[in-house]
Amino acid sequence: MERVTGSLAFGALARGVMMAVREQAEDKRPGRRLLLRAKSNIGPDTGGFVYDLVQDTLAAYPGVIASSVR
């Protein structure tokens, strides 16, 4: 946490801290995106989610492109 904010104060105050990171792939392709618990003093601090950001046309509004999380 200190590497991200430069101080432990922000992470020490919160009960739970989430971190979004991009995993480094072994080849030149972009890695997976991960949402992880960096800290939790109200439960386990393991586990997380894999997600991706996708740009696509909105079905209700042809020609409008929006980002979504999958």
PDB file of N, CA and C in Angstrom:
ATOM      1  N   MET A   1       0.819  -1.196   0.000  1.00  0.00           N
ATOM      2  CA  MET A   1       0.000   0.000   0.000  1.00  0.00           C
ATOM      3  C   MET A   1       0.858   1.252   0.000  1.00  0.00           C
ATOM      4  N   GLU A   2       1.996   1.180   0.637  1.00  0.00           N
ATOM      5  CA  GLU A   2       2.871   2.349   0.705  1.00  0.00           C
ATOM      6  C   GLU A   2       3.367   2.754  -0.682  1.00  0.00           C
ATOM      7  N   ARG A   3       3.553   1.801  -1.575  1.00  0.00           N
ATOM      8  CA  ARG A   3       4.014   2.110  -2.928  1.00  0.00           C
ATOM      9  C   ARG A   3       2.970   2.896  -3.714  1.00  0.00           C
ATOM     10  N   VAL A   4       1.700   2.652  -3.444  1.00  0.00           N
ATOM     11  CA  VAL A   4       0.629   3.306  -4.203  1.00  0.00           C
ATOM     12  C   VAL A   4       0.404   4.730  -3.713  1.00  0.00           C
ATOM     13  N   THR A   5       0.262   4.925  -2.416  1.00  0.00           N
ATOM     14  CA  THR A   5      -0.084   6.242  -1.890  1.00  0.00           C
ATOM     15  C   THR A   5       1.113   7.017  -1.340  1.00  0.00           C
ATOM     16  N   GLY A   6       2.236   6.341  -1.113  1.00  0.00           N
ATOM     17  CA  GLY A   6       3.396   7.010  -0.556  1.00  0.00           C
ATOM     18  C   GLY A   6       3.330   7.130   0.953  1.00  0.00           C
ATOM     19  N   SER A   7       2.266   6.651   1.563  1.00  0.00           N
ATOM     20  CA  SER A   7       2.086   6.741   3.009  1.00  0.00           C
ATOM     21  C   SER A   7       1.214   5.592   3.478  1.00  0.00           C
ATOM     22  N   LEU A   8       1.451   5.121   4.664  1.00  0.00           N
ATOM     23  CA  LEU A   8       0.601   4.083   5.239  1.00  0.00           C
ATOM     24  C   LEU A   8      -0.656   4.658   5.876  1.00  0.00           C
ATOM     25  N   ALA A   9      -0.732   5.966   6.044  1.00  0.00           N
ATOM     26  CA  ALA A   9      -1.848   6.598   6.751  1.00  0.00           C
ATOM     27  C   ALA A   9      -3.194   6.294   6.098  1.00  0.00           C
ATOM     28  N   PHE A  10      -3.261   6.345   4.768  1.00  0.00           N
ATOM     29  CA  PHE A  10      -4.538   6.120   4.083  1.00  0.00           C
ATOM     30  C   PHE A  10      -5.014   4.683   4.261  1.00  0.00           C
ATOM     31  N   GLY A  11      -4.129   3.722   4.119  1.00  0.00           N
ATOM     32  CA  GLY A  11      -4.497   2.323   4.262  1.00  0.00           C
ATOM     33  C   GLY A  11      -4.725   1.918   5.707  1.00  0.00           C
ATOM     34  N   ALA A  12      -4.018   2.536   6.647  1.00  0.00           N
ATOM     35  CA  ALA A  12      -4.149   2.174   8.058  1.00  0.00           C
ATOM     36  C   ALA A  12      -5.500   2.611   8.625  1.00  0.00           C
ATOM     37  N   LEU A  13      -6.066   3.686   8.110  1.00  0.00           N
ATOM     38  CA  LEU A  13      -7.326   4.216   8.625  1.00  0.00           C
ATOM     39  C   LEU A  13      -8.523   3.342   8.236  1.00  0.00           C
ATOM     40  N   ALA A  14      -8.512   2.830   7.030  1.00  0.00           N
ATOM     41  CA  ALA A  14      -9.671   2.081   6.503  1.00  0.00           C
ATOM     42  C   ALA A  14      -9.746   0.668   7.068  1.00  0.00           C
ATOM     43  N   ARG A  15     -10.966   0.125   7.174  1.00  0.00           N
ATOM     44  CA  ARG A  15     -11.180  -1.256   7.600  1.00  0.00           C
ATOM     45  C   ARG A  15     -10.877  -2.231   6.468  1.00  0.00           C
ATOM     46  N   GLY A  16     -11.169  -1.819   5.241  1.00  0.00           N
ATOM     47  CA  GLY A  16     -10.913  -2.658   4.080  1.00  0.00           C
ATOM     48  C   GLY A  16     -10.372  -1.815   2.939  1.00  0.00           C
ATOM     49  N   VAL A  17      -9.387  -2.343   2.235  1.00  0.00           N
ATOM     50  CA  VAL A  17      -8.785  -1.631   1.109  1.00  0.00           C
ATOM     51  C   VAL A  17      -8.779  -2.572  -0.096  1.00  0.00           C
ATOM     52  N   MET A  18      -9.319  -2.103  -1.210  1.00  0.00           N
ATOM     53  CA  MET A  18      -9.326  -2.869  -2.451  1.00  0.00           C
ATOM     54  C   MET A  18      -8.264  -2.287  -3.391  1.00  0.00           C
ATOM     55  N   MET A  19      -7.695  -3.155  -4.225  1.00  0.00           N
ATOM     56  CA  MET A  19      -6.648  -2.726  -5.142  1.00  0.00           C
ATOM     57  C   MET A  19      -6.949  -3.290  -6.528  1.00  0.00           C
ATOM     58  N   ALA A  20      -6.914  -2.438  -7.538  1.00  0.00           N
ATOM     59  CA  ALA A  20      -7.078  -2.874  -8.919  1.00  0.00           C
ATOM     60  C   ALA A  20      -5.702  -2.857  -9.575  1.00  0.00           C
ATOM     61  N   VAL A  21      -5.301  -3.999 -10.150  1.00  0.00           N
ATOM     62  CA  VAL A  21      -3.971  -4.116 -10.753  1.00  0.00           C
ATOM     63  C   VAL A  21      -4.084  -4.835 -12.091  1.00  0.00           C
ATOM     64  N   ARG A  22      -3.076  -4.648 -12.912  1.00  0.00           N
ATOM     65  CA  ARG A  22      -2.982  -5.411 -14.148  1.00  0.00           C
ATOM     66  C   ARG A  22      -1.809  -6.365 -14.001  1.00  0.00           C
ATOM     67  N   GLU A  23      -2.107  -7.643 -14.154  1.00  0.00           N
ATOM     68  CA  GLU A  23      -1.094  -8.684 -14.044  1.00  0.00           C
ATOM     69  C   GLU A  23      -0.155  -8.608 -15.248  1.00  0.00           C
ATOM     70  N   GLN A  24       1.127  -8.803 -15.035  1.00  0.00           N
ATOM     71  CA  GLN A  24       2.074  -8.796 -16.142  1.00  0.00           C
ATOM     72  C   GLN A  24       2.089 -10.161 -16.809  1.00  0.00           C
ATOM     73  N   ALA A  25       1.855 -10.165 -18.108  1.00  0.00           N
ATOM     74  CA  ALA A  25       1.893 -11.415 -18.875  1.00  0.00           C
ATOM     75  C   ALA A  25       3.339 -11.721 -19.236  1.00  0.00           C
ATOM     76  N   GLU A  26       3.640 -13.004 -19.449  1.00  0.00           N
ATOM     77  CA  GLU A  26       5.006 -13.387 -19.794  1.00  0.00           C
ATOM     78  C   GLU A  26       5.377 -12.943 -21.198  1.00  0.00           C
ATOM     79  N   ASP A  27       4.404 -12.865 -22.103  1.00  0.00           N
ATOM     80  CA  ASP A  27       4.694 -12.359 -23.440  1.00  0.00           C
ATOM     81  C   ASP A  27       4.338 -10.872 -23.488  1.00  0.00           C
ATOM     82  N   LYS A  28       4.275 -10.298 -24.656  1.00  0.00           N
ATOM     83  CA  LYS A  28       4.049  -8.848 -24.797  1.00  0.00           C
ATOM     84  C   LYS A  28       2.584  -8.444 -24.703  1.00  0.00           C
ATOM     85  N   ARG A  29       1.652  -9.420 -24.619  1.00  0.00           N
ATOM     86  CA  ARG A  29       0.228  -9.094 -24.514  1.00  0.00           C
ATOM     87  C   ARG A  29      -0.076  -8.479 -23.154  1.00  0.00           C
ATOM     88  N   PRO A  30      -1.140  -7.651 -23.077  1.00  0.00           N
ATOM     89  CA  PRO A  30      -1.537  -7.128 -21.767  1.00  0.00           C
ATOM     90  C   PRO A  30      -2.025  -8.262 -20.868  1.00  0.00           C
ATOM     91  N   GLY A  31      -1.756  -8.171 -19.599  1.00  0.00           N
ATOM     92  CA  GLY A  31      -2.177  -9.197 -18.652  1.00  0.00           C
ATOM     93  C   GLY A  31      -3.613  -9.008 -18.208  1.00  0.00           C
ATOM     94  N   ARG A  32      -4.072  -9.921 -17.345  1.00  0.00           N
ATOM     95  CA  ARG A  32      -5.432  -9.838 -16.811  1.00  0.00           C
ATOM     96  C   ARG A  32      -5.540  -8.665 -15.839  1.00  0.00           C
ATOM     97  N   ARG A  33      -6.738  -8.136 -15.688  1.00  0.00           N
ATOM     98  CA  ARG A  33      -7.013  -7.117 -14.681  1.00  0.00           C
ATOM     99  C   ARG A  33      -7.590  -7.815 -13.464  1.00  0.00           C
ATOM    100  N   LEU A  34      -7.118  -7.425 -12.280  1.00  0.00           N
ATOM    101  CA  LEU A  34      -7.533  -8.078 -11.046  1.00  0.00           C
ATOM    102  C   LEU A  34      -8.019  -7.042 -10.044  1.00  0.00           C
ATOM    103  N   LEU A  35      -9.080  -7.365  -9.329  1.00  0.00           N
ATOM    104  CA  LEU A  35      -9.557  -6.569  -8.209  1.00  0.00           C
ATOM    105  C   LEU A  35      -9.323  -7.419  -6.966  1.00  0.00           C
ATOM    106  N   LEU A  36      -8.438  -6.966  -6.084  1.00  0.00           N
ATOM    107  CA  LEU A  36      -7.994  -7.758  -4.939  1.00  0.00           C
ATOM    108  C   LEU A  36      -8.181  -6.997  -3.638  1.00  0.00           C
ATOM    109  N   ARG A  37      -8.295  -7.737  -2.552  1.00  0.00           N
ATOM    110  CA  ARG A  37      -8.294  -7.126  -1.223  1.00  0.00           C
ATOM    111  C   ARG A  37      -6.846  -6.920  -0.796  1.00  0.00           C
ATOM    112  N   ALA A  38      -6.463  -5.686  -0.586  1.00  0.00           N
ATOM    113  CA  ALA A  38      -5.108  -5.402  -0.113  1.00  0.00           C
ATOM    114  C   ALA A  38      -5.057  -5.461   1.406  1.00  0.00           C
ATOM    115  N   LYS A  39      -6.194  -5.171   2.044  1.00  0.00           N
ATOM    116  CA  LYS A  39      -6.257  -5.193   3.504  1.00  0.00           C
ATOM    117  C   LYS A  39      -7.699  -5.400   3.935  1.00  0.00           C
ATOM    118  N   SER A  40      -7.892  -6.168   4.976  1.00  0.00           N
ATOM    119  CA  SER A  40      -9.212  -6.313   5.562  1.00  0.00           C
ATOM    120  C   SER A  40      -9.048  -6.749   7.009  1.00  0.00           C
ATOM    121  N   ASN A  41      -9.469  -5.897   7.932  1.00  0.00           N
ATOM    122  CA  ASN A  41      -9.406  -6.313   9.338  1.00  0.00           C
ATOM    123  C   ASN A  41     -10.795  -6.660   9.877  1.00  0.00           C
ATOM    124  N   ILE A  42     -11.751  -6.870   8.945  1.00  0.00           N
ATOM    125  CA  ILE A  42     -13.090  -7.311   9.343  1.00  0.00           C
ATOM    126  C   ILE A  42     -13.439  -8.656   8.711  1.00  0.00           C
ATOM    127  N   GLY A  43     -12.472  -9.302   8.100  1.00  0.00           N
ATOM    128  CA  GLY A  43     -12.687 -10.601   7.465  1.00  0.00           C
ATOM    129  C   GLY A  43     -11.412 -11.052   6.793  1.00  0.00           C
ATOM    130  N   PRO A  44     -11.480 -12.138   6.025  1.00  0.00           N
ATOM    131  CA  PRO A  44     -10.272 -12.638   5.358  1.00  0.00           C
ATOM    132  C   PRO A  44      -9.777 -11.651   4.306  1.00  0.00           C
ATOM    133  N   ASP A  45      -8.470 -11.601   4.105  1.00  0.00           N
ATOM    134  CA  ASP A  45      -7.917 -10.698   3.099  1.00  0.00           C
ATOM    135  C   ASP A  45      -7.339 -11.479   1.916  1.00  0.00           C
ATOM    136  N   THR A  46      -8.014 -12.560   1.559  1.00  0.00           N
ATOM    137  CA  THR A  46      -7.599 -13.358   0.412  1.00  0.00           C
ATOM    138  C   THR A  46      -8.663 -13.284  -0.665  1.00  0.00           C
ATOM    139  N   GLY A  47      -8.334 -13.745  -1.848  1.00  0.00           N
ATOM    140  CA  GLY A  47      -9.291 -13.804  -2.943  1.00  0.00           C
ATOM    141  C   GLY A  47      -9.389 -12.508  -3.713  1.00  0.00           C
ATOM    142  N   GLY A  48     -10.194 -12.537  -4.753  1.00  0.00           N
ATOM    143  CA  GLY A  48     -10.383 -11.372  -5.600  1.00  0.00           C
ATOM    144  C   GLY A  48     -11.167 -11.755  -6.838  1.00  0.00           C
ATOM    145  N   PHE A  49     -11.174 -10.870  -7.814  1.00  0.00           N
ATOM    146  CA  PHE A  49     -11.939 -11.064  -9.040  1.00  0.00           C
ATOM    147  C   PHE A  49     -11.086 -10.719 -10.244  1.00  0.00           C
ATOM    148  N   VAL A  50     -11.284 -11.458 -11.339  1.00  0.00           N
ATOM    149  CA  VAL A  50     -10.678 -11.135 -12.626  1.00  0.00           C
ATOM    150  C   VAL A  50     -11.733 -10.381 -13.429  1.00  0.00           C
ATOM    151  N   TYR A  51     -11.338  -9.290 -14.085  1.00  0.00           N
ATOM    152  CA  TYR A  51     -12.295  -8.529 -14.884  1.00  0.00           C
ATOM    153  C   TYR A  51     -11.605  -7.979 -16.123  1.00  0.00           C
ATOM    154  N   ASP A  52     -12.402  -7.463 -17.034  1.00  0.00           N
ATOM    155  CA  ASP A  52     -11.869  -6.826 -18.234  1.00  0.00           C
ATOM    156  C   ASP A  52     -12.724  -5.611 -18.544  1.00  0.00           C
ATOM    157  N   LEU A  53     -12.139  -4.619 -19.171  1.00  0.00           N
ATOM    158  CA  LEU A  53     -12.859  -3.432 -19.621  1.00  0.00           C
ATOM    159  C   LEU A  53     -13.080  -3.556 -21.124  1.00  0.00           C
ATOM    160  N   VAL A  54     -14.332  -3.409 -21.552  1.00  0.00           N
ATOM    161  CA  VAL A  54     -14.695  -3.612 -22.950  1.00  0.00           C
ATOM    162  C   VAL A  54     -15.429  -2.373 -23.444  1.00  0.00           C
ATOM    163  N   GLN A  55     -15.098  -1.940 -24.664  1.00  0.00           N
ATOM    164  CA  GLN A  55     -15.836  -0.856 -25.303  1.00  0.00           C
ATOM    165  C   GLN A  55     -16.737  -1.462 -26.367  1.00  0.00           C
ATOM    166  N   ASP A  56     -18.019  -1.085 -26.321  1.00  0.00           N
ATOM    167  CA  ASP A  56     -18.992  -1.651 -27.240  1.00  0.00           C
ATOM    168  C   ASP A  56     -20.090  -0.622 -27.494  1.00  0.00           C
ATOM    169  N   THR A  57     -20.835  -0.819 -28.571  1.00  0.00           N
ATOM    170  CA  THR A  57     -21.944   0.065 -28.907  1.00  0.00           C
ATOM    171  C   THR A  57     -23.130  -0.244 -27.996  1.00  0.00           C
ATOM    172  N   LEU A  58     -23.805   0.802 -27.511  1.00  0.00           N
ATOM    173  CA  LEU A  58     -24.988   0.614 -26.677  1.00  0.00           C
ATOM    174  C   LEU A  58     -26.166   0.167 -27.540  1.00  0.00           C
ATOM    175  N   ALA A  59     -26.863  -0.876 -27.113  1.00  0.00           N
ATOM    176  CA  ALA A  59     -27.980  -1.419 -27.895  1.00  0.00           C
ATOM    177  C   ALA A  59     -29.108  -0.401 -28.052  1.00  0.00           C
ATOM    178  N   ALA A  60     -29.388   0.361 -26.999  1.00  0.00           N
ATOM    179  CA  ALA A  60     -30.484   1.323 -27.043  1.00  0.00           C
ATOM    180  C   ALA A  60     -30.133   2.602 -27.797  1.00  0.00           C
ATOM    181  N   TYR A  61     -28.832   2.841 -28.010  1.00  0.00           N
ATOM    182  CA  TYR A  61     -28.375   4.075 -28.654  1.00  0.00           C
ATOM    183  C   TYR A  61     -27.338   3.732 -29.719  1.00  0.00           C
ATOM    184  N   PRO A  62     -27.784   3.363 -30.918  1.00  0.00           N
ATOM    185  CA  PRO A  62     -26.832   3.019 -31.984  1.00  0.00           C
ATOM    186  C   PRO A  62     -25.866   4.175 -32.261  1.00  0.00           C
ATOM    187  N   GLY A  63     -24.605   3.838 -32.438  1.00  0.00           N
ATOM    188  CA  GLY A  63     -23.582   4.850 -32.721  1.00  0.00           C
ATOM    189  C   GLY A  63     -22.900   5.382 -31.475  1.00  0.00           C
ATOM    190  N   VAL A  64     -23.442   5.066 -30.283  1.00  0.00           N
ATOM    191  CA  VAL A  64     -22.828   5.505 -29.032  1.00  0.00           C
ATOM    192  C   VAL A  64     -21.997   4.364 -28.468  1.00  0.00           C
ATOM    193  N   ILE A  65     -20.722   4.638 -28.234  1.00  0.00           N
ATOM    194  CA  ILE A  65     -19.815   3.629 -27.690  1.00  0.00           C
ATOM    195  C   ILE A  65     -19.571   3.933 -26.229  1.00  0.00           C
ATOM    196  N   ALA A  66     -19.661   2.893 -25.395  1.00  0.00           N
ATOM    197  CA  ALA A  66     -19.466   3.047 -23.952  1.00  0.00           C
ATOM    198  C   ALA A  66     -18.578   1.922 -23.441  1.00  0.00           C
ATOM    199  N   SER A  67     -17.970   2.151 -22.296  1.00  0.00           N
ATOM    200  CA  SER A  67     -17.135   1.141 -21.653  1.00  0.00           C
ATOM    201  C   SER A  67     -17.965   0.381 -20.625  1.00  0.00           C
ATOM    202  N   SER A  68     -17.657  -0.894 -20.470  1.00  0.00           N
ATOM    203  CA  SER A  68     -18.312  -1.700 -19.442  1.00  0.00           C
ATOM    204  C   SER A  68     -17.293  -2.672 -18.851  1.00  0.00           C
ATOM    205  N   VAL A  69     -17.638  -3.178 -17.681  1.00  0.00           N
ATOM    206  CA  VAL A  69     -16.776  -4.131 -16.981  1.00  0.00           C
ATOM    207  C   VAL A  69     -17.356  -5.531 -17.187  1.00  0.00           C
ATOM    208  N   ARG A  70     -16.514  -6.462 -17.560  1.00  0.00           N
ATOM    209  CA  ARG A  70     -16.948  -7.861 -17.726  1.00  0.00           C
ATOM    210  C   ARG A  70     -16.012  -8.769 -16.983  1.00  0.00           C
TER     211      ARG A  70
END
